[in-house]
Amino acid sequence: MGPALMAREMNELSKIVLVILLLLVAEAFAGWTEPVNLGPMINTSGCESSPSLTADGRKLFFHGDNGYNKDDVLYSEWDDTGWTLRQPLGPQINTLAPERYACVTSAGDVIPTTNSICQE
């Protein structure tokens, strides 16, 4: 088999792999719904983004506008009646620099990051 034939076969294989990946992604997102406002304890007229939920579903970490500065990681806890008032994580986590993402590890630890990549 010559290099040109190998390249053509690899190109066809790449197309098949891409189609499979696209189908898997479409299937993964098929059950998603429209975003829901979680109420005044979480959502404000500002910007809330980048949510991370602990495995037990009881702590929500997210980016918000009103912590120690405009770009902080905030959290709220579910107490069986609803979400508690959002709170900044504190000055040991939130600095004058932007903290926009909170990675929640499988052990429940919170790792603030400036990008959306979570690495344990």
PDB file of N, CA and C in Angstrom:
ATOM      1  N   MET A   1       0.863  -1.179   0.000  1.00  0.00           N
ATOM      2  CA  MET A   1       0.000   0.000   0.000  1.00  0.00           C
ATOM      3  C   MET A   1       0.904   1.235   0.000  1.00  0.00           C
ATOM      4  N   GLY A   2       0.682   2.110  -0.954  1.00  0.00           N
ATOM      5  CA  GLY A   2       1.504   3.299  -1.075  1.00  0.00           C
ATOM      6  C   GLY A   2       1.055   4.417  -0.151  1.00  0.00           C
ATOM      7  N   PRO A   3       1.883   5.440   0.024  1.00  0.00           N
ATOM      8  CA  PRO A   3       1.557   6.559   0.915  1.00  0.00           C
ATOM      9  C   PRO A   3       0.277   7.288   0.523  1.00  0.00           C
ATOM     10  N   ALA A   4       0.013   7.438  -0.763  1.00  0.00           N
ATOM     11  CA  ALA A   4      -1.197   8.150  -1.198  1.00  0.00           C
ATOM     12  C   ALA A   4      -2.445   7.369  -0.809  1.00  0.00           C
ATOM     13  N   LEU A   5      -2.404   6.045  -0.970  1.00  0.00           N
ATOM     14  CA  LEU A   5      -3.544   5.215  -0.607  1.00  0.00           C
ATOM     15  C   LEU A   5      -3.755   5.214   0.902  1.00  0.00           C
ATOM     16  N   MET A   6      -2.656   5.150   1.653  1.00  0.00           N
ATOM     17  CA  MET A   6      -2.757   5.197   3.129  1.00  0.00           C
ATOM     18  C   MET A   6      -3.358   6.520   3.579  1.00  0.00           C
ATOM     19  N   ALA A   7      -2.942   7.624   2.983  1.00  0.00           N
ATOM     20  CA  ALA A   7      -3.459   8.944   3.349  1.00  0.00           C
ATOM     21  C   ALA A   7      -4.949   9.031   3.052  1.00  0.00           C
ATOM     22  N   ARG A   8      -5.368   8.484   1.901  1.00  0.00           N
ATOM     23  CA  ARG A   8      -6.781   8.512   1.527  1.00  0.00           C
ATOM     24  C   ARG A   8      -7.606   7.670   2.506  1.00  0.00           C
ATOM     25  N   GLU A   9      -7.102   6.501   2.905  1.00  0.00           N
ATOM     26  CA  GLU A   9      -7.810   5.656   3.856  1.00  0.00           C
ATOM     27  C   GLU A   9      -7.881   6.317   5.233  1.00  0.00           C
ATOM     28  N   MET A  10      -6.798   6.964   5.646  1.00  0.00           N
ATOM     29  CA  MET A  10      -6.800   7.669   6.938  1.00  0.00           C
ATOM     30  C   MET A  10      -7.795   8.821   6.908  1.00  0.00           C
ATOM     31  N   ASN A  11      -7.889   9.514   5.770  1.00  0.00           N
ATOM     32  CA  ASN A  11      -8.838  10.608   5.636  1.00  0.00           C
ATOM     33  C   ASN A  11     -10.263  10.082   5.780  1.00  0.00           C
ATOM     34  N   GLU A  12     -10.561   8.946   5.151  1.00  0.00           N
ATOM     35  CA  GLU A  12     -11.889   8.346   5.271  1.00  0.00           C
ATOM     36  C   GLU A  12     -12.158   7.914   6.704  1.00  0.00           C
ATOM     37  N   LEU A  13     -11.165   7.320   7.353  1.00  0.00           N
ATOM     38  CA  LEU A  13     -11.310   6.917   8.745  1.00  0.00           C
ATOM     39  C   LEU A  13     -11.555   8.131   9.636  1.00  0.00           C
ATOM     40  N   SER A  14     -10.858   9.239   9.391  1.00  0.00           N
ATOM     41  CA  SER A  14     -11.051  10.472  10.156  1.00  0.00           C
ATOM     42  C   SER A  14     -12.475  10.980  10.018  1.00  0.00           C
ATOM     43  N   LYS A  15     -13.035  10.888   8.818  1.00  0.00           N
ATOM     44  CA  LYS A  15     -14.410  11.327   8.592  1.00  0.00           C
ATOM     45  C   LYS A  15     -15.391  10.468   9.384  1.00  0.00           C
ATOM     46  N   ILE A  16     -15.151   9.164   9.395  1.00  0.00           N
ATOM     47  CA  ILE A  16     -16.030   8.256  10.141  1.00  0.00           C
ATOM     48  C   ILE A  16     -15.960   8.555  11.632  1.00  0.00           C
ATOM     49  N   VAL A  17     -14.753   8.748  12.148  1.00  0.00           N
ATOM     50  CA  VAL A  17     -14.584   9.068  13.572  1.00  0.00           C
ATOM     51  C   VAL A  17     -15.267  10.387  13.906  1.00  0.00           C
ATOM     52  N   LEU A  18     -15.146  11.387  13.053  1.00  0.00           N
ATOM     53  CA  LEU A  18     -15.781  12.682  13.282  1.00  0.00           C
ATOM     54  C   LEU A  18     -17.301  12.543  13.325  1.00  0.00           C
ATOM     55  N   VAL A  19     -17.872  11.778  12.426  1.00  0.00           N
ATOM     56  CA  VAL A  19     -19.327  11.574  12.417  1.00  0.00           C
ATOM     57  C   VAL A  19     -19.768  10.884  13.705  1.00  0.00           C
ATOM     58  N   ILE A  20     -19.024   9.880  14.142  1.00  0.00           N
ATOM     59  CA  ILE A  20     -19.360   9.179  15.388  1.00  0.00           C
ATOM     60  C   ILE A  20     -19.305  10.150  16.563  1.00  0.00           C
ATOM     61  N   LEU A  21     -18.263  10.975  16.639  1.00  0.00           N
ATOM     62  CA  LEU A  21     -18.141  11.952  17.732  1.00  0.00           C
ATOM     63  C   LEU A  21     -19.294  12.949  17.709  1.00  0.00           C
ATOM     64  N   LEU A  22     -19.655  13.428  16.530  1.00  0.00           N
ATOM     65  CA  LEU A  22     -20.765  14.379  16.431  1.00  0.00           C
ATOM     66  C   LEU A  22     -22.074  13.744  16.883  1.00  0.00           C
ATOM     67  N   LEU A  23     -22.302  12.494  16.532  1.00  0.00           N
ATOM     68  CA  LEU A  23     -23.510  11.803  16.974  1.00  0.00           C
ATOM     69  C   LEU A  23     -23.533  11.622  18.483  1.00  0.00           C
ATOM     70  N   LEU A  24     -22.382  11.295  19.070  1.00  0.00           N
ATOM     71  CA  LEU A  24     -22.306  11.136  20.526  1.00  0.00           C
ATOM     72  C   LEU A  24     -22.569  12.459  21.246  1.00  0.00           C
ATOM     73  N   VAL A  25     -22.003  13.544  20.738  1.00  0.00           N
ATOM     74  CA  VAL A  25     -22.231  14.858  21.347  1.00  0.00           C
ATOM     75  C   VAL A  25     -23.702  15.245  21.223  1.00  0.00           C
ATOM     76  N   ALA A  26     -24.293  15.035  20.061  1.00  0.00           N
ATOM     77  CA  ALA A  26     -25.707  15.368  19.867  1.00  0.00           C
ATOM     78  C   ALA A  26     -26.579  14.564  20.826  1.00  0.00           C
ATOM     79  N   GLU A  27     -26.260  13.294  21.018  1.00  0.00           N
ATOM     80  CA  GLU A  27     -27.034  12.457  21.934  1.00  0.00           C
ATOM     81  C   GLU A  27     -26.874  12.932  23.377  1.00  0.00           C
ATOM     82  N   ALA A  28     -25.662  13.331  23.745  1.00  0.00           N
ATOM     83  CA  ALA A  28     -25.401  13.785  25.117  1.00  0.00           C
ATOM     84  C   ALA A  28     -26.185  15.045  25.453  1.00  0.00           C
ATOM     85  N   PHE A  29     -26.373  15.939  24.483  1.00  0.00           N
ATOM     86  CA  PHE A  29     -27.059  17.201  24.731  1.00  0.00           C
ATOM     87  C   PHE A  29     -28.555  17.142  24.425  1.00  0.00           C
ATOM     88  N   ALA A  30     -29.043  16.022  23.953  1.00  0.00           N
ATOM     89  CA  ALA A  30     -30.437  15.927  23.512  1.00  0.00           C
ATOM     90  C   ALA A  30     -31.433  16.159  24.643  1.00  0.00           C
ATOM     91  N   GLY A  31     -31.086  15.789  25.880  1.00  0.00           N
ATOM     92  CA  GLY A  31     -32.027  15.911  26.983  1.00  0.00           C
ATOM     93  C   GLY A  31     -31.961  17.233  27.730  1.00  0.00           C
ATOM     94  N   TRP A  32     -31.142  18.159  27.286  1.00  0.00           N
ATOM     95  CA  TRP A  32     -31.001  19.429  27.985  1.00  0.00           C
ATOM     96  C   TRP A  32     -32.229  20.288  27.773  1.00  0.00           C
ATOM     97  N   THR A  33     -32.525  21.130  28.745  1.00  0.00           N
ATOM     98  CA  THR A  33     -33.649  22.050  28.652  1.00  0.00           C
ATOM     99  C   THR A  33     -33.130  23.484  28.659  1.00  0.00           C
ATOM    100  N   GLU A  34     -34.040  24.425  28.542  1.00  0.00           N
ATOM    101  CA  GLU A  34     -33.674  25.840  28.636  1.00  0.00           C
ATOM    102  C   GLU A  34     -33.169  26.142  30.051  1.00  0.00           C
ATOM    103  N   PRO A  35     -32.245  27.100  30.214  1.00  0.00           N
ATOM    104  CA  PRO A  35     -31.788  27.486  31.548  1.00  0.00           C
ATOM    105  C   PRO A  35     -32.946  27.985  32.408  1.00  0.00           C
ATOM    106  N   VAL A  36     -32.850  27.776  33.701  1.00  0.00           N
ATOM    107  CA  VAL A  36     -33.890  28.178  34.644  1.00  0.00           C
ATOM    108  C   VAL A  36     -33.298  29.153  35.648  1.00  0.00           C
ATOM    109  N   ASN A  37     -33.976  30.253  35.891  1.00  0.00           N
ATOM    110  CA  ASN A  37     -33.570  31.200  36.915  1.00  0.00           C
ATOM    111  C   ASN A  37     -33.776  30.543  38.279  1.00  0.00           C
ATOM    112  N   LEU A  38     -32.725  30.511  39.099  1.00  0.00           N
ATOM    113  CA  LEU A  38     -32.794  29.855  40.398  1.00  0.00           C
ATOM    114  C   LEU A  38     -33.297  30.772  41.503  1.00  0.00           C
ATOM    115  N   GLY A  39     -33.712  31.969  41.159  1.00  0.00           N
ATOM    116  CA  GLY A  39     -34.278  32.877  42.146  1.00  0.00           C
ATOM    117  C   GLY A  39     -33.263  33.852  42.699  1.00  0.00           C
ATOM    118  N   PRO A  40     -33.734  34.776  43.548  1.00  0.00           N
ATOM    119  CA  PRO A  40     -32.890  35.884  44.020  1.00  0.00           C
ATOM    120  C   PRO A  40     -31.738  35.459  44.926  1.00  0.00           C
ATOM    121  N   MET A  41     -31.772  34.254  45.460  1.00  0.00           N
ATOM    122  CA  MET A  41     -30.646  33.789  46.287  1.00  0.00           C
ATOM    123  C   MET A  41     -29.410  33.513  45.429  1.00  0.00           C
ATOM    124  N   ILE A  42     -29.632  33.206  44.153  1.00  0.00           N
ATOM    125  CA  ILE A  42     -28.541  32.884  43.223  1.00  0.00           C
ATOM    126  C   ILE A  42     -28.435  33.936  42.132  1.00  0.00           C
ATOM    127  N   ASN A  43     -29.516  34.135  41.395  1.00  0.00           N
ATOM    128  CA  ASN A  43     -29.498  35.005  40.222  1.00  0.00           C
ATOM    129  C   ASN A  43     -29.783  36.457  40.573  1.00  0.00           C
ATOM    130  N   THR A  44     -29.027  37.349  39.939  1.00  0.00           N
ATOM    131  CA  THR A  44     -29.195  38.793  40.126  1.00  0.00           C
ATOM    132  C   THR A  44     -29.373  39.432  38.757  1.00  0.00           C
ATOM    133  N   SER A  45     -29.372  40.728  38.704  1.00  0.00           N
ATOM    134  CA  SER A  45     -29.404  41.421  37.419  1.00  0.00           C
ATOM    135  C   SER A  45     -28.017  41.429  36.787  1.00  0.00           C
ATOM    136  N   GLY A  46     -27.016  40.963  37.533  1.00  0.00           N
ATOM    137  CA  GLY A  46     -25.647  40.883  37.025  1.00  0.00           C
ATOM    138  C   GLY A  46     -25.421  39.602  36.238  1.00  0.00           C
ATOM    139  N   CYS A  47     -24.200  39.175  36.239  1.00  0.00           N
ATOM    140  CA  CYS A  47     -23.815  38.001  35.460  1.00  0.00           C
ATOM    141  C   CYS A  47     -23.459  36.850  36.393  1.00  0.00           C
ATOM    142  N   GLU A  48     -24.150  35.733  36.247  1.00  0.00           N
ATOM    143  CA  GLU A  48     -23.777  34.512  36.929  1.00  0.00           C
ATOM    144  C   GLU A  48     -23.469  33.473  35.854  1.00  0.00           C
ATOM    145  N   SER A  49     -22.356  32.766  36.015  1.00  0.00           N
ATOM    146  CA  SER A  49     -21.966  31.800  34.988  1.00  0.00           C
ATOM    147  C   SER A  49     -21.112  30.702  35.601  1.00  0.00           C
ATOM    148  N   SER A  50     -20.744  29.753  34.778  1.00  0.00           N
ATOM    149  CA  SER A  50     -19.793  28.696  35.113  1.00  0.00           C
ATOM    150  C   SER A  50     -20.173  27.900  36.356  1.00  0.00           C
ATOM    151  N   PRO A  51     -21.369  27.319  36.395  1.00  0.00           N
ATOM    152  CA  PRO A  51     -21.772  26.569  37.579  1.00  0.00           C
ATOM    153  C   PRO A  51     -21.050  25.232  37.714  1.00  0.00           C
ATOM    154  N   SER A  52     -20.777  24.843  38.941  1.00  0.00           N
ATOM    155  CA  SER A  52     -20.246  23.517  39.282  1.00  0.00           C
ATOM    156  C   SER A  52     -21.014  23.031  40.500  1.00  0.00           C
ATOM    157  N   LEU A  53     -21.519  21.833  40.419  1.00  0.00           N
ATOM    158  CA  LEU A  53     -22.330  21.262  41.483  1.00  0.00           C
ATOM    159  C   LEU A  53     -21.566  20.108  42.112  1.00  0.00           C
ATOM    160  N   THR A  54     -21.613  19.997  43.442  1.00  0.00           N
ATOM    161  CA  THR A  54     -20.972  18.865  44.103  1.00  0.00           C
ATOM    162  C   THR A  54     -21.734  17.590  43.753  1.00  0.00           C
ATOM    163  N   ALA A  55     -21.093  16.457  43.941  1.00  0.00           N
ATOM    164  CA  ALA A  55     -21.682  15.173  43.565  1.00  0.00           C
ATOM    165  C   ALA A  55     -23.005  14.911  44.279  1.00  0.00           C
ATOM    166  N   ASP A  56     -23.143  15.396  45.513  1.00  0.00           N
ATOM    167  CA  ASP A  56     -24.396  15.170  46.246  1.00  0.00           C
ATOM    168  C   ASP A  56     -25.473  16.191  45.886  1.00  0.00           C
ATOM    169  N   GLY A  57     -25.138  17.171  45.033  1.00  0.00           N
ATOM    170  CA  GLY A  57     -26.111  18.153  44.573  1.00  0.00           C
ATOM    171  C   GLY A  57     -26.482  19.210  45.596  1.00  0.00           C
ATOM    172  N   ARG A  58     -25.732  19.318  46.693  1.00  0.00           N
ATOM    173  CA  ARG A  58     -26.111  20.230  47.771  1.00  0.00           C
ATOM    174  C   ARG A  58     -25.301  21.527  47.810  1.00  0.00           C
ATOM    175  N   LYS A  59     -24.217  21.615  47.052  1.00  0.00           N
ATOM    176  CA  LYS A  59     -23.435  22.860  46.989  1.00  0.00           C
ATOM    177  C   LYS A  59     -23.242  23.244  45.535  1.00  0.00           C
ATOM    178  N   LEU A  60     -23.520  24.515  45.265  1.00  0.00           N
ATOM    179  CA  LEU A  60     -23.396  25.068  43.922  1.00  0.00           C
ATOM    180  C   LEU A  60     -22.336  26.164  43.968  1.00  0.00           C
ATOM    181  N   PHE A  61     -21.320  26.027  43.152  1.00  0.00           N
ATOM    182  CA  PHE A  61     -20.265  27.035  43.020  1.00  0.00           C
ATOM    183  C   PHE A  61     -20.416  27.670  41.649  1.00  0.00           C
ATOM    184  N   PHE A  62     -20.219  28.991  41.566  1.00  0.00           N
ATOM    185  CA  PHE A  62     -20.416  29.673  40.293  1.00  0.00           C
ATOM    186  C   PHE A  62     -19.693  31.012  40.308  1.00  0.00           C
ATOM    187  N   HIS A  63     -19.528  31.583  39.114  1.00  0.00           N
ATOM    188  CA  HIS A  63     -18.921  32.902  38.959  1.00  0.00           C
ATOM    189  C   HIS A  63     -20.008  33.956  39.143  1.00  0.00           C
ATOM    190  N   GLY A  64     -19.684  35.033  39.848  1.00  0.00           N
ATOM    191  CA  GLY A  64     -20.645  36.108  40.031  1.00  0.00           C
ATOM    192  C   GLY A  64     -19.975  37.464  40.135  1.00  0.00           C
ATOM    193  N   ASP A  65     -20.800  38.490  40.101  1.00  0.00           N
ATOM    194  CA  ASP A  65     -20.333  39.878  40.081  1.00  0.00           C
ATOM    195  C   ASP A  65     -20.176  40.520  41.450  1.00  0.00           C
ATOM    196  N   ASN A  66     -20.643  39.921  42.505  1.00  0.00           N
ATOM    197  CA  ASN A  66     -20.683  40.698  43.742  1.00  0.00           C
ATOM    198  C   ASN A  66     -20.011  40.033  44.937  1.00  0.00           C
ATOM    199  N   GLY A  67     -18.793  39.595  44.731  1.00  0.00           N
ATOM    200  CA  GLY A  67     -18.014  39.089  45.848  1.00  0.00           C
ATOM    201  C   GLY A  67     -17.069  40.175  46.309  1.00  0.00           C
ATOM    202  N   TYR A  68     -15.790  39.857  46.414  1.00  0.00           N
ATOM    203  CA  TYR A  68     -14.794  40.835  46.822  1.00  0.00           C
ATOM    204  C   TYR A  68     -14.436  41.770  45.677  1.00  0.00           C
ATOM    205  N   ASN A  69     -14.617  41.293  44.472  1.00  0.00           N
ATOM    206  CA  ASN A  69     -14.507  42.173  43.309  1.00  0.00           C
ATOM    207  C   ASN A  69     -15.498  41.666  42.281  1.00  0.00           C
ATOM    208  N   LYS A  70     -15.422  42.145  41.082  1.00  0.00           N
ATOM    209  CA  LYS A  70     -16.457  41.827  40.098  1.00  0.00           C
ATOM    210  C   LYS A  70     -16.388  40.403  39.557  1.00  0.00           C
ATOM    211  N   ASP A  71     -15.289  39.720  39.687  1.00  0.00           N
ATOM    212  CA  ASP A  71     -15.110  38.370  39.139  1.00  0.00           C
ATOM    213  C   ASP A  71     -14.714  37.399  40.241  1.00  0.00           C
ATOM    214  N   ASP A  72     -15.681  36.901  40.976  1.00  0.00           N
ATOM    215  CA  ASP A  72     -15.388  36.010  42.082  1.00  0.00           C
ATOM    216  C   ASP A  72     -16.140  34.702  41.974  1.00  0.00           C
ATOM    217  N   VAL A  73     -15.645  33.712  42.698  1.00  0.00           N
ATOM    218  CA  VAL A  73     -16.349  32.443  42.818  1.00  0.00           C
ATOM    219  C   VAL A  73     -17.250  32.541  44.044  1.00  0.00           C
ATOM    220  N   LEU A  74     -18.521  32.266  43.832  1.00  0.00           N
ATOM    221  CA  LEU A  74     -19.521  32.309  44.895  1.00  0.00           C
ATOM    222  C   LEU A  74     -20.070  30.908  45.107  1.00  0.00           C
ATOM    223  N   TYR A  75     -20.781  30.711  46.203  1.00  0.00           N
ATOM    224  CA  TYR A  75     -21.411  29.413  46.427  1.00  0.00           C
ATOM    225  C   TYR A  75     -22.746  29.595  47.142  1.00  0.00           C
ATOM    226  N   SER A  76     -23.552  28.560  47.035  1.00  0.00           N
ATOM    227  CA  SER A  76     -24.815  28.486  47.740  1.00  0.00           C
ATOM    228  C   SER A  76     -25.033  27.029  48.115  1.00  0.00           C
ATOM    229  N   GLU A  77     -25.772  26.799  49.191  1.00  0.00           N
ATOM    230  CA  GLU A  77     -26.053  25.430  49.617  1.00  0.00           C
ATOM    231  C   GLU A  77     -27.549  25.159  49.585  1.00  0.00           C
ATOM    232  N   TRP A  78     -27.924  23.951  49.221  1.00  0.00           N
ATOM    233  CA  TRP A  78     -29.320  23.526  49.221  1.00  0.00           C
ATOM    234  C   TRP A  78     -29.657  23.044  50.619  1.00  0.00           C
ATOM    235  N   ASP A  79     -30.719  23.605  51.219  1.00  0.00           N
ATOM    236  CA  ASP A  79     -31.067  23.226  52.599  1.00  0.00           C
ATOM    237  C   ASP A  79     -32.453  22.585  52.701  1.00  0.00           C
ATOM    238  N   ASP A  80     -32.889  21.922  51.659  1.00  0.00           N
ATOM    239  CA  ASP A  80     -34.187  21.230  51.568  1.00  0.00           C
ATOM    240  C   ASP A  80     -35.379  22.173  51.453  1.00  0.00           C
ATOM    241  N   THR A  81     -35.169  23.481  51.584  1.00  0.00           N
ATOM    242  CA  THR A  81     -36.241  24.441  51.322  1.00  0.00           C
ATOM    243  C   THR A  81     -35.879  25.327  50.133  1.00  0.00           C
ATOM    244  N   GLY A  82     -34.642  25.257  49.700  1.00  0.00           N
ATOM    245  CA  GLY A  82     -34.171  26.072  48.588  1.00  0.00           C
ATOM    246  C   GLY A  82     -32.693  26.373  48.746  1.00  0.00           C
ATOM    247  N   TRP A  83     -32.194  27.210  47.865  1.00  0.00           N
ATOM    248  CA  TRP A  83     -30.791  27.608  47.897  1.00  0.00           C
ATOM    249  C   TRP A  83     -30.597  28.728  48.908  1.00  0.00           C
ATOM    250  N   THR A  84     -29.498  28.663  49.658  1.00  0.00           N
ATOM    251  CA  THR A  84     -29.171  29.729  50.604  1.00  0.00           C
ATOM    252  C   THR A  84     -28.634  30.935  49.836  1.00  0.00           C
ATOM    253  N   LEU A  85     -28.557  32.065  50.512  1.00  0.00           N
ATOM    254  CA  LEU A  85     -28.047  33.284  49.892  1.00  0.00           C
ATOM    255  C   LEU A  85     -26.613  33.064  49.414  1.00  0.00           C
ATOM    256  N   ARG A  86     -26.338  33.478  48.211  1.00  0.00           N
ATOM    257  CA  ARG A  86     -25.003  33.320  47.622  1.00  0.00           C
ATOM    258  C   ARG A  86     -23.950  34.018  48.466  1.00  0.00           C
ATOM    259  N   GLN A  87     -22.807  33.393  48.611  1.00  0.00           N
ATOM    260  CA  GLN A  87     -21.705  33.926  49.407  1.00  0.00           C
ATOM    261  C   GLN A  87     -20.403  33.792  48.629  1.00  0.00           C
ATOM    262  N   PRO A  88     -19.499  34.781  48.757  1.00  0.00           N
ATOM    263  CA  PRO A  88     -18.174  34.613  48.151  1.00  0.00           C
ATOM    264  C   PRO A  88     -17.382  33.576  48.952  1.00  0.00           C
ATOM    265  N   LEU A  89     -16.466  32.889  48.310  1.00  0.00           N
ATOM    266  CA  LEU A  89     -15.671  31.871  48.993  1.00  0.00           C
ATOM    267  C   LEU A  89     -14.737  32.461  50.044  1.00  0.00           C
ATOM    268  N   GLY A  90     -14.401  33.722  49.935  1.00  0.00           N
ATOM    269  CA  GLY A  90     -13.540  34.354  50.933  1.00  0.00           C
ATOM    270  C   GLY A  90     -12.247  34.854  50.325  1.00  0.00           C
ATOM    271  N   PRO A  91     -11.516  35.712  51.062  1.00  0.00           N
ATOM    272  CA  PRO A  91     -10.324  36.355  50.510  1.00  0.00           C
ATOM    273  C   PRO A  91      -9.159  35.387  50.255  1.00  0.00           C
ATOM    274  N   GLN A  92      -9.171  34.214  50.881  1.00  0.00           N
ATOM    275  CA  GLN A  92      -8.110  33.248  50.592  1.00  0.00           C
ATOM    276  C   GLN A  92      -8.291  32.615  49.204  1.00  0.00           C
ATOM    277  N   ILE A  93      -9.490  32.713  48.636  1.00  0.00           N
ATOM    278  CA  ILE A  93      -9.772  32.210  47.285  1.00  0.00           C
ATOM    279  C   ILE A  93      -9.980  33.375  46.322  1.00  0.00           C
ATOM    280  N   ASN A  94     -10.881  34.282  46.660  1.00  0.00           N
ATOM    281  CA  ASN A  94     -11.195  35.416  45.802  1.00  0.00           C
ATOM    282  C   ASN A  94     -10.224  36.556  46.082  1.00  0.00           C
ATOM    283  N   THR A  95      -9.514  36.944  45.050  1.00  0.00           N
ATOM    284  CA  THR A  95      -8.514  38.002  45.169  1.00  0.00           C
ATOM    285  C   THR A  95      -8.942  39.190  44.300  1.00  0.00           C
ATOM    286  N   LEU A  96      -8.062  40.146  44.124  1.00  0.00           N
ATOM    287  CA  LEU A  96      -8.347  41.257  43.219  1.00  0.00           C
ATOM    288  C   LEU A  96      -8.292  40.811  41.761  1.00  0.00           C
ATOM    289  N   ALA A  97      -7.651  39.659  41.512  1.00  0.00           N
ATOM    290  CA  ALA A  97      -7.623  39.091  40.161  1.00  0.00           C
ATOM    291  C   ALA A  97      -8.949  38.375  39.902  1.00  0.00           C
ATOM    292  N   PRO A  98      -9.280  38.134  38.651  1.00  0.00           N
ATOM    293  CA  PRO A  98     -10.541  37.445  38.361  1.00  0.00           C
ATOM    294  C   PRO A  98     -10.470  35.949  38.670  1.00  0.00           C
ATOM    295  N   GLU A  99     -11.451  35.463  39.393  1.00  0.00           N
ATOM    296  CA  GLU A  99     -11.655  34.029  39.580  1.00  0.00           C
ATOM    297  C   GLU A  99     -13.002  33.717  38.943  1.00  0.00           C
ATOM    298  N   ARG A 100     -12.987  32.970  37.863  1.00  0.00           N
ATOM    299  CA  ARG A 100     -14.220  32.788  37.093  1.00  0.00           C
ATOM    300  C   ARG A 100     -14.759  31.374  37.114  1.00  0.00           C
ATOM    301  N   TYR A 101     -13.968  30.406  37.532  1.00  0.00           N
ATOM    302  CA  TYR A 101     -14.409  29.019  37.488  1.00  0.00           C
ATOM    303  C   TYR A 101     -14.062  28.335  38.804  1.00  0.00           C
ATOM    304  N   ALA A 102     -14.910  27.416  39.196  1.00  0.00           N
ATOM    305  CA  ALA A 102     -14.632  26.592  40.362  1.00  0.00           C
ATOM    306  C   ALA A 102     -14.780  25.141  39.939  1.00  0.00           C
ATOM    307  N   CYS A 103     -13.701  24.429  39.983  1.00  0.00           N
ATOM    308  CA  CYS A 103     -13.710  23.016  39.650  1.00  0.00           C
ATOM    309  C   CYS A 103     -13.994  22.248  40.940  1.00  0.00           C
ATOM    310  N   VAL A 104     -15.045  21.445  40.940  1.00  0.00           N
ATOM    311  CA  VAL A 104     -15.350  20.612  42.096  1.00  0.00           C
ATOM    312  C   VAL A 104     -14.830  19.218  41.789  1.00  0.00           C
ATOM    313  N   THR A 105     -13.878  18.746  42.594  1.00  0.00           N
ATOM    314  CA  THR A 105     -13.282  17.434  42.358  1.00  0.00           C
ATOM    315  C   THR A 105     -14.221  16.328  42.823  1.00  0.00           C
ATOM    316  N   SER A 106     -13.892  15.108  42.471  1.00  0.00           N
ATOM    317  CA  SER A 106     -14.705  13.967  42.899  1.00  0.00           C
ATOM    318  C   SER A 106     -14.680  13.800  44.415  1.00  0.00           C
ATOM    319  N   ALA A 107     -13.643  14.321  45.071  1.00  0.00           N
ATOM    320  CA  ALA A 107     -13.555  14.273  46.535  1.00  0.00           C
ATOM    321  C   ALA A 107     -14.319  15.422  47.189  1.00  0.00           C
ATOM    322  N   GLY A 108     -14.838  16.348  46.384  1.00  0.00           N
ATOM    323  CA  GLY A 108     -15.597  17.470  46.913  1.00  0.00           C
ATOM    324  C   GLY A 108     -14.772  18.716  47.169  1.00  0.00           C
ATOM    325  N   ASP A 109     -13.490  18.680  46.828  1.00  0.00           N
ATOM    326  CA  ASP A 109     -12.644  19.861  46.976  1.00  0.00           C
ATOM    327  C   ASP A 109     -12.966  20.863  45.875  1.00  0.00           C
ATOM    328  N   VAL A 110     -12.779  22.146  46.170  1.00  0.00           N
ATOM    329  CA  VAL A 110     -13.038  23.198  45.194  1.00  0.00           C
ATOM    330  C   VAL A 110     -11.705  23.805  44.776  1.00  0.00           C
ATOM    331  N   ILE A 111     -11.484  23.830  43.470  1.00  0.00           N
ATOM    332  CA  ILE A 111     -10.255  24.395  42.932  1.00  0.00           C
ATOM    333  C   ILE A 111     -10.626  25.580  42.054  1.00  0.00           C
ATOM    334  N   PRO A 112     -10.320  26.808  42.478  1.00  0.00           N
ATOM    335  CA  PRO A 112     -10.614  27.960  41.615  1.00  0.00           C
ATOM    336  C   PRO A 112      -9.629  28.005  40.452  1.00  0.00           C
ATOM    337  N   THR A 113     -10.125  28.349  39.278  1.00  0.00           N
ATOM    338  CA  THR A 113      -9.265  28.458  38.107  1.00  0.00           C
ATOM    339  C   THR A 113      -9.659  29.692  37.305  1.00  0.00           C
ATOM    340  N   THR A 114      -8.777  30.084  36.410  1.00  0.00           N
ATOM    341  CA  THR A 114      -9.095  31.203  35.528  1.00  0.00           C
ATOM    342  C   THR A 114      -9.550  30.705  34.168  1.00  0.00           C
ATOM    343  N   ASN A 115      -9.620  29.374  34.016  1.00  0.00           N
ATOM    344  CA  ASN A 115     -10.161  28.801  32.779  1.00  0.00           C
ATOM    345  C   ASN A 115     -11.121  27.672  33.181  1.00  0.00           C
ATOM    346  N   SER A 116     -11.777  27.086  32.228  1.00  0.00           N
ATOM    347  CA  SER A 116     -12.792  26.091  32.537  1.00  0.00           C
ATOM    348  C   SER A 116     -12.253  24.672  32.581  1.00  0.00           C
ATOM    349  N   ILE A 117     -10.935  24.518  32.612  1.00  0.00           N
ATOM    350  CA  ILE A 117     -10.335  23.188  32.620  1.00  0.00           C
ATOM    351  C   ILE A 117     -10.164  22.721  34.060  1.00  0.00           C
ATOM    352  N   CYS A 118     -10.795  21.601  34.377  1.00  0.00           N
ATOM    353  CA  CYS A 118     -10.683  21.013  35.715  1.00  0.00           C
ATOM    354  C   CYS A 118      -9.722  19.841  35.668  1.00  0.00           C
ATOM    355  N   GLN A 119      -8.691  19.920  36.482  1.00  0.00           N
ATOM    356  CA  GLN A 119      -7.723  18.813  36.561  1.00  0.00           C
ATOM    357  C   GLN A 119      -7.546  18.476  38.031  1.00  0.00           C
ATOM    358  N   GLU A 120      -7.783  17.211  38.337  1.00  0.00           N
ATOM    359  CA  GLU A 120      -7.606  16.769  39.722  1.00  0.00           C
ATOM    360  C   GLU A 120      -6.190  16.337  39.950  1.00  0.00           C
TER     361      GLU A 120
END
